[in-house]
Structures are given as structure tokens and as C-alpha cells.
Amino acid sequence: MTRYATIITDDDGRDIVSAIGAFEGAAPQPRLGRIEPVAPGVLIGMVRDAAGGFGFPQAGIGGQAIGLVLARLKAQAAKRIGAAKPASAKPKRAKRAKKRTRSKKPAGSMPKAGKAASEAAAQTMGQIDG
């Protein structure tokens, strides 16, 4: 069986292996990209190198990493400029009010009606026992 790979082109113009399949006979019809026969060691995600073979892309500084570094440098520069200004220029932040908590009732307290009822029950029990 022959191995075929679906090759797509990314935004940078590189050819990337998108899918791999083994088929007998003629190559399958592509729905996206183009289909080429590939060697057994080719895997999904590999990029075509200058020699015409496939390999994984080398780790390097990508476009997003450069953007992140530039944003961080701009933020640091803005912080330095902000530090040069007098401290009185920045308004102080108001303190937040403390959250009020409800007072908890002591563990031994009872409502008045319940307390009177329990005392009456105790007197009745005392009369029966005594």
C-alpha cells in the first residue's frame, strides 16, 4: 500500500502535512490542498524543507513572540515615564468600607416563648417527681 499525505499551504507559504493515509491503487481525490505520495517516516505536522524532504519546524522566535516582547517593552517604558511623574499627580484610592456582619446570638439563648414553655414543663416535672 502506498502512503499519501494531504499537503496544505499555511499563511507563511510553507507546505505542511495535514493528513496521512495508506491507499491501494490510485491516489484519492483531494478535497482540500493536494495529495502526494510520502515516505513511511513522514508524520502529520511536518513541514517541507528546502531539500524537498519533510521535517518538523525548528523552534525559533515566531511572530507572536516578537509581538509579546514588544508589548512588554512598551509597558515597561510607560511604567518608567509614569514613575518620573510626582506621586501627588495620581489620585489616591479610597479605602473600602468594612463589611458589616450580623451579630450571632449566644448558643444558650432561647426565644422568650420557648423559654417560658420549658420552665413550665420543668415545674410540672418537678411536681410529678417531688
N, C-alpha and C. Protein backbone atom coordinates (compact mmCIF):
# COMPACT_ATOMS: atom_id res chain seq x y z
N MET A 1 0.84 -1.18 0.00
CA MET A 1 0.00 0.00 0.00
C MET A 1 0.88 1.24 0.00
N THR A 2 0.45 2.21 -0.72
CA THR A 2 1.20 3.47 -0.83
C THR A 2 0.65 4.48 0.17
N ARG A 3 1.56 5.17 0.83
CA ARG A 3 1.14 6.22 1.78
C ARG A 3 1.01 7.54 1.04
N TYR A 4 -0.11 8.21 1.25
CA TYR A 4 -0.34 9.52 0.66
C TYR A 4 -0.57 10.52 1.78
N ALA A 5 -0.12 11.76 1.53
CA ALA A 5 -0.31 12.84 2.50
C ALA A 5 -1.05 13.99 1.84
N THR A 6 -1.94 14.59 2.60
CA THR A 6 -2.60 15.82 2.15
C THR A 6 -1.70 16.97 2.56
N ILE A 7 -1.28 17.76 1.58
CA ILE A 7 -0.37 18.87 1.82
C ILE A 7 -1.16 20.17 1.69
N ILE A 8 -1.08 21.01 2.74
CA ILE A 8 -1.72 22.33 2.68
C ILE A 8 -0.64 23.40 2.82
N THR A 9 -0.95 24.61 2.40
CA THR A 9 -0.01 25.73 2.49
C THR A 9 -0.49 26.67 3.59
N ASP A 10 0.39 26.99 4.54
CA ASP A 10 -0.01 27.88 5.63
C ASP A 10 0.16 29.34 5.23
N ASP A 11 -0.08 30.25 6.16
CA ASP A 11 -0.03 31.68 5.89
C ASP A 11 1.37 32.14 5.49
N ASP A 12 2.40 31.45 5.97
CA ASP A 12 3.78 31.83 5.65
C ASP A 12 4.26 31.24 4.33
N GLY A 13 3.41 30.44 3.67
CA GLY A 13 3.78 29.84 2.40
C GLY A 13 4.47 28.49 2.53
N ARG A 14 4.53 27.94 3.73
CA ARG A 14 5.16 26.64 3.94
C ARG A 14 4.18 25.52 3.64
N ASP A 15 4.68 24.41 3.11
CA ASP A 15 3.86 23.23 2.85
C ASP A 15 3.86 22.36 4.10
N ILE A 16 2.67 22.06 4.62
CA ILE A 16 2.53 21.29 5.86
C ILE A 16 1.71 20.04 5.60
N VAL A 17 2.13 18.93 6.22
CA VAL A 17 1.39 17.67 6.10
C VAL A 17 0.17 17.77 7.01
N SER A 18 -1.02 17.67 6.40
CA SER A 18 -2.27 17.81 7.15
C SER A 18 -2.87 16.46 7.51
N ALA A 19 -2.77 15.48 6.64
CA ALA A 19 -3.33 14.15 6.91
C ALA A 19 -2.53 13.11 6.14
N ILE A 20 -2.55 11.88 6.65
CA ILE A 20 -1.82 10.79 6.01
C ILE A 20 -2.74 9.57 5.93
N GLY A 21 -2.67 8.87 4.82
CA GLY A 21 -3.46 7.66 4.67
C GLY A 21 -2.76 6.69 3.75
N ALA A 22 -3.06 5.41 3.90
CA ALA A 22 -2.49 4.37 3.05
C ALA A 22 -3.59 3.84 2.14
N PHE A 23 -3.36 3.90 0.83
CA PHE A 23 -4.38 3.51 -0.14
C PHE A 23 -3.77 2.58 -1.19
N GLU A 24 -4.58 1.67 -1.68
CA GLU A 24 -4.17 0.81 -2.78
C GLU A 24 -4.66 1.43 -4.08
N GLY A 25 -3.89 1.29 -5.12
CA GLY A 25 -4.31 1.79 -6.42
C GLY A 25 -4.04 3.28 -6.56
N ALA A 26 -4.96 3.96 -7.20
CA ALA A 26 -4.78 5.38 -7.49
C ALA A 26 -4.93 6.24 -6.23
N ALA A 27 -4.33 7.41 -6.28
CA ALA A 27 -4.41 8.34 -5.16
C ALA A 27 -5.84 8.83 -4.99
N PRO A 28 -6.27 9.11 -3.75
CA PRO A 28 -7.63 9.60 -3.53
C PRO A 28 -7.79 11.03 -4.06
N GLN A 29 -9.04 11.43 -4.26
CA GLN A 29 -9.32 12.78 -4.76
C GLN A 29 -9.23 13.77 -3.60
N PRO A 30 -8.46 14.83 -3.77
CA PRO A 30 -8.32 15.80 -2.67
C PRO A 30 -9.56 16.69 -2.54
N ARG A 31 -9.93 16.99 -1.29
CA ARG A 31 -10.99 17.96 -1.03
C ARG A 31 -10.38 19.31 -0.68
N LEU A 32 -9.20 19.27 -0.06
CA LEU A 32 -8.50 20.49 0.35
C LEU A 32 -7.01 20.24 0.20
N GLY A 33 -6.30 21.18 -0.39
CA GLY A 33 -4.87 21.02 -0.58
C GLY A 33 -4.58 20.09 -1.74
N ARG A 34 -3.43 19.43 -1.68
CA ARG A 34 -3.06 18.48 -2.73
C ARG A 34 -2.54 17.20 -2.08
N ILE A 35 -2.60 16.11 -2.81
CA ILE A 35 -2.20 14.81 -2.28
C ILE A 35 -0.94 14.35 -2.99
N GLU A 36 0.04 13.88 -2.18
CA GLU A 36 1.32 13.39 -2.71
C GLU A 36 1.69 12.10 -2.02
N PRO A 37 2.38 11.19 -2.71
CA PRO A 37 2.92 10.00 -2.02
C PRO A 37 4.08 10.43 -1.13
N VAL A 38 4.17 9.84 0.07
CA VAL A 38 5.23 10.20 1.02
C VAL A 38 5.90 8.96 1.56
N ALA A 39 7.08 9.15 2.14
CA ALA A 39 7.86 8.06 2.74
C ALA A 39 7.21 7.62 4.05
N PRO A 40 7.54 6.41 4.54
CA PRO A 40 6.93 5.91 5.77
C PRO A 40 7.23 6.74 7.02
N GLY A 41 8.30 7.52 7.06
CA GLY A 41 8.64 8.29 8.27
C GLY A 41 7.94 9.63 8.38
N VAL A 42 7.18 10.03 7.37
CA VAL A 42 6.54 11.34 7.38
C VAL A 42 5.33 11.30 8.31
N LEU A 43 5.21 12.33 9.16
CA LEU A 43 4.12 12.42 10.13
C LEU A 43 3.32 13.69 9.94
N ILE A 44 2.12 13.73 10.51
CA ILE A 44 1.28 14.93 10.44
C ILE A 44 1.96 16.07 11.17
N GLY A 45 1.95 17.26 10.57
CA GLY A 45 2.55 18.44 11.18
C GLY A 45 3.94 18.75 10.66
N MET A 46 4.53 17.83 9.89
CA MET A 46 5.85 18.08 9.34
C MET A 46 5.77 19.12 8.23
N VAL A 47 6.87 19.84 8.03
CA VAL A 47 6.95 20.91 7.04
C VAL A 47 7.97 20.51 5.99
N ARG A 48 7.67 20.87 4.74
CA ARG A 48 8.62 20.56 3.66
C ARG A 48 9.84 21.48 3.82
N ASP A 49 11.04 20.87 3.84
CA ASP A 49 12.26 21.68 3.98
C ASP A 49 12.80 22.07 2.60
N ALA A 50 13.92 22.79 2.61
CA ALA A 50 14.50 23.31 1.36
C ALA A 50 14.95 22.18 0.43
N ALA A 51 15.34 21.04 0.99
CA ALA A 51 15.82 19.92 0.18
C ALA A 51 14.67 19.13 -0.44
N GLY A 52 13.44 19.43 -0.08
CA GLY A 52 12.30 18.72 -0.64
C GLY A 52 11.78 17.62 0.25
N GLY A 53 12.47 17.34 1.35
CA GLY A 53 12.00 16.33 2.31
C GLY A 53 11.08 16.99 3.34
N PHE A 54 10.71 16.21 4.36
CA PHE A 54 9.84 16.73 5.39
C PHE A 54 10.52 16.65 6.74
N GLY A 55 10.24 17.61 7.60
CA GLY A 55 10.76 17.62 8.96
C GLY A 55 9.92 18.57 9.80
N PHE A 56 10.05 18.45 11.12
CA PHE A 56 9.30 19.35 11.99
C PHE A 56 9.96 20.72 12.00
N PRO A 57 9.17 21.79 12.10
CA PRO A 57 9.75 23.13 12.09
C PRO A 57 10.65 23.34 13.30
N GLN A 58 11.72 24.07 13.09
CA GLN A 58 12.66 24.35 14.17
C GLN A 58 12.05 25.38 15.12
N ALA A 59 12.27 25.17 16.41
CA ALA A 59 11.78 26.12 17.40
C ALA A 59 12.59 27.40 17.28
N GLY A 60 11.92 28.47 17.11
CA GLY A 60 12.57 29.76 16.99
C GLY A 60 11.63 30.85 17.45
N ILE A 61 12.01 32.06 17.21
CA ILE A 61 11.17 33.17 17.61
C ILE A 61 10.12 33.38 16.52
N GLY A 62 8.87 33.18 16.89
CA GLY A 62 7.77 33.35 15.95
C GLY A 62 7.24 34.78 15.99
N GLY A 63 6.33 35.07 15.11
CA GLY A 63 5.75 36.40 15.03
C GLY A 63 5.01 36.79 16.29
N GLN A 64 4.30 35.84 16.92
CA GLN A 64 3.58 36.16 18.15
C GLN A 64 4.53 36.48 19.28
N ALA A 65 5.64 35.76 19.37
CA ALA A 65 6.60 36.00 20.44
C ALA A 65 7.19 37.39 20.32
N ILE A 66 7.47 37.82 19.11
CA ILE A 66 8.02 39.16 18.91
C ILE A 66 7.00 40.22 19.33
N GLY A 67 5.74 40.00 18.98
CA GLY A 67 4.69 40.93 19.39
C GLY A 67 4.57 41.02 20.90
N LEU A 68 4.68 39.88 21.59
CA LEU A 68 4.60 39.89 23.05
C LEU A 68 5.77 40.63 23.68
N VAL A 69 6.96 40.44 23.12
CA VAL A 69 8.15 41.13 23.65
C VAL A 69 8.02 42.63 23.46
N LEU A 70 7.56 43.04 22.28
CA LEU A 70 7.40 44.48 22.03
C LEU A 70 6.35 45.09 22.96
N ALA A 71 5.27 44.40 23.20
CA ALA A 71 4.24 44.90 24.11
C ALA A 71 4.79 45.05 25.53
N ARG A 72 5.60 44.08 25.95
CA ARG A 72 6.18 44.15 27.29
C ARG A 72 7.15 45.33 27.40
N LEU A 73 7.96 45.54 26.35
CA LEU A 73 8.90 46.67 26.37
C LEU A 73 8.16 48.00 26.42
N LYS A 74 7.07 48.12 25.68
CA LYS A 74 6.28 49.35 25.71
C LYS A 74 5.69 49.58 27.09
N ALA A 75 5.23 48.52 27.74
CA ALA A 75 4.65 48.64 29.08
C ALA A 75 5.72 49.08 30.08
N GLN A 76 6.92 48.53 29.96
CA GLN A 76 8.00 48.91 30.87
C GLN A 76 8.40 50.37 30.65
N ALA A 77 8.43 50.80 29.39
CA ALA A 77 8.77 52.19 29.10
C ALA A 77 7.71 53.13 29.66
N ALA A 78 6.44 52.75 29.53
CA ALA A 78 5.36 53.58 30.07
C ALA A 78 5.44 53.64 31.59
N LYS A 79 5.85 52.53 32.22
CA LYS A 79 5.98 52.49 33.67
C LYS A 79 7.09 53.44 34.13
N ARG A 80 8.21 53.45 33.39
CA ARG A 80 9.32 54.35 33.74
C ARG A 80 8.90 55.80 33.60
N ILE A 81 8.16 56.13 32.56
CA ILE A 81 7.70 57.51 32.37
C ILE A 81 6.73 57.87 33.49
N GLY A 82 5.87 56.94 33.86
CA GLY A 82 4.91 57.18 34.94
C GLY A 82 5.61 57.35 36.28
N ALA A 83 6.75 56.69 36.48
CA ALA A 83 7.48 56.80 37.74
C ALA A 83 8.17 58.15 37.86
N ALA A 84 8.46 58.78 36.74
CA ALA A 84 9.13 60.08 36.77
C ALA A 84 8.17 61.19 37.21
N LYS A 85 6.86 61.00 37.08
CA LYS A 85 5.88 61.99 37.49
C LYS A 85 5.81 62.02 39.00
N PRO A 86 5.44 63.18 39.59
CA PRO A 86 5.31 63.24 41.04
C PRO A 86 4.16 62.35 41.52
N ALA A 87 4.29 61.85 42.73
CA ALA A 87 3.30 60.93 43.27
C ALA A 87 1.96 61.61 43.50
N SER A 88 1.96 62.94 43.72
CA SER A 88 0.71 63.65 44.00
C SER A 88 -0.18 63.75 42.77
N ALA A 89 0.37 63.51 41.58
CA ALA A 89 -0.42 63.60 40.36
C ALA A 89 -1.43 62.46 40.26
N LYS A 90 -1.14 61.37 40.90
CA LYS A 90 -2.03 60.22 40.86
C LYS A 90 -2.97 60.29 42.06
N PRO A 91 -4.28 60.31 41.85
CA PRO A 91 -5.19 60.38 42.99
C PRO A 91 -5.13 59.10 43.81
N LYS A 92 -5.25 59.27 45.12
CA LYS A 92 -5.21 58.10 45.99
C LYS A 92 -6.55 57.38 45.94
N ARG A 93 -6.48 56.12 46.08
CA ARG A 93 -7.67 55.28 46.02
C ARG A 93 -8.37 55.28 47.37
N ALA A 94 -9.68 55.43 47.35
CA ALA A 94 -10.45 55.44 48.60
C ALA A 94 -10.45 54.05 49.22
N LYS A 95 -10.44 54.01 50.55
CA LYS A 95 -10.47 52.72 51.24
C LYS A 95 -11.88 52.17 51.20
N ARG A 96 -11.96 50.87 51.08
CA ARG A 96 -13.27 50.23 51.05
C ARG A 96 -13.81 50.11 52.47
N ALA A 97 -15.11 50.30 52.59
CA ALA A 97 -15.75 50.15 53.89
C ALA A 97 -15.74 48.67 54.29
N LYS A 98 -15.59 48.43 55.60
CA LYS A 98 -15.60 47.05 56.06
C LYS A 98 -17.00 46.48 55.96
N LYS A 99 -17.08 45.24 55.65
CA LYS A 99 -18.35 44.56 55.53
C LYS A 99 -18.93 44.33 56.93
N ARG A 100 -20.16 44.75 57.12
CA ARG A 100 -20.77 44.56 58.43
C ARG A 100 -21.32 43.15 58.54
N THR A 101 -21.06 42.55 59.66
CA THR A 101 -21.56 41.20 59.88
C THR A 101 -22.63 41.24 60.95
N ARG A 102 -23.60 40.38 60.83
CA ARG A 102 -24.65 40.32 61.84
C ARG A 102 -24.09 39.66 63.09
N SER A 103 -24.53 40.18 64.23
CA SER A 103 -24.05 39.56 65.47
C SER A 103 -24.76 38.22 65.66
N LYS A 104 -24.03 37.27 66.11
CA LYS A 104 -24.59 35.95 66.32
C LYS A 104 -25.15 35.87 67.74
N LYS A 105 -26.24 35.18 67.88
CA LYS A 105 -26.85 35.01 69.20
C LYS A 105 -26.01 34.00 69.99
N PRO A 106 -25.92 34.19 71.29
CA PRO A 106 -25.19 33.20 72.09
C PRO A 106 -25.86 31.83 71.97
N ALA A 107 -25.09 30.80 72.14
CA ALA A 107 -25.57 29.44 71.94
C ALA A 107 -26.66 29.06 72.92
N GLY A 108 -26.64 29.58 74.14
CA GLY A 108 -27.61 29.16 75.16
C GLY A 108 -28.91 29.94 75.13
N SER A 109 -29.05 30.96 74.30
CA SER A 109 -30.27 31.77 74.35
C SER A 109 -31.40 31.09 73.62
N MET A 110 -32.62 31.32 74.11
CA MET A 110 -33.83 30.77 73.50
C MET A 110 -34.81 31.91 73.31
N PRO A 111 -35.76 31.74 72.41
CA PRO A 111 -36.81 32.74 72.32
C PRO A 111 -37.62 32.75 73.62
N LYS A 112 -38.26 33.89 73.93
CA LYS A 112 -38.96 34.03 75.21
C LYS A 112 -40.08 33.01 75.37
N ALA A 113 -40.85 32.78 74.32
CA ALA A 113 -41.95 31.83 74.42
C ALA A 113 -41.42 30.43 74.70
N GLY A 114 -40.34 30.07 74.04
CA GLY A 114 -39.77 28.74 74.24
C GLY A 114 -39.18 28.59 75.63
N LYS A 115 -38.61 29.67 76.16
CA LYS A 115 -38.00 29.61 77.47
C LYS A 115 -39.08 29.44 78.54
N ALA A 116 -40.19 30.19 78.39
CA ALA A 116 -41.28 30.08 79.36
C ALA A 116 -41.91 28.69 79.31
N ALA A 117 -42.07 28.17 78.11
CA ALA A 117 -42.67 26.84 77.97
C ALA A 117 -41.78 25.78 78.60
N SER A 118 -40.47 25.92 78.44
CA SER A 118 -39.57 24.92 79.01
C SER A 118 -39.52 25.03 80.53
N GLU A 119 -39.64 26.24 81.07
CA GLU A 119 -39.67 26.40 82.53
C GLU A 119 -40.95 25.81 83.10
N ALA A 120 -42.08 26.03 82.40
CA ALA A 120 -43.35 25.47 82.86
C ALA A 120 -43.28 23.95 82.84
N ALA A 121 -42.66 23.38 81.80
CA ALA A 121 -42.52 21.93 81.71
C ALA A 121 -41.64 21.41 82.84
N ALA A 122 -40.61 22.18 83.18
CA ALA A 122 -39.71 21.75 84.26
C ALA A 122 -40.44 21.76 85.60
N GLN A 123 -41.29 22.77 85.84
CA GLN A 123 -42.05 22.83 87.10
C GLN A 123 -43.02 21.67 87.20
N THR A 124 -43.67 21.35 86.07
CA THR A 124 -44.61 20.24 86.08
C THR A 124 -43.87 18.94 86.36
N MET A 125 -42.69 18.79 85.79
CA MET A 125 -41.92 17.58 86.01
C MET A 125 -41.47 17.52 87.47
N GLY A 126 -41.15 18.71 88.04
CA GLY A 126 -40.74 18.75 89.43
C GLY A 126 -41.87 18.34 90.35
N GLN A 127 -43.10 18.71 90.01
CA GLN A 127 -44.26 18.36 90.83
C GLN A 127 -44.52 16.84 90.74
N ILE A 128 -44.30 16.29 89.57
CA ILE A 128 -44.56 14.86 89.41
C ILE A 128 -43.48 14.07 90.16
N ASP A 129 -42.22 14.51 90.03
CA ASP A 129 -41.11 13.79 90.67
C ASP A 129 -41.15 13.98 92.18
N GLY A 130 -41.57 15.16 92.63
CA GLY A 130 -41.40 15.50 94.02
C GLY A 130 -42.47 15.19 94.91
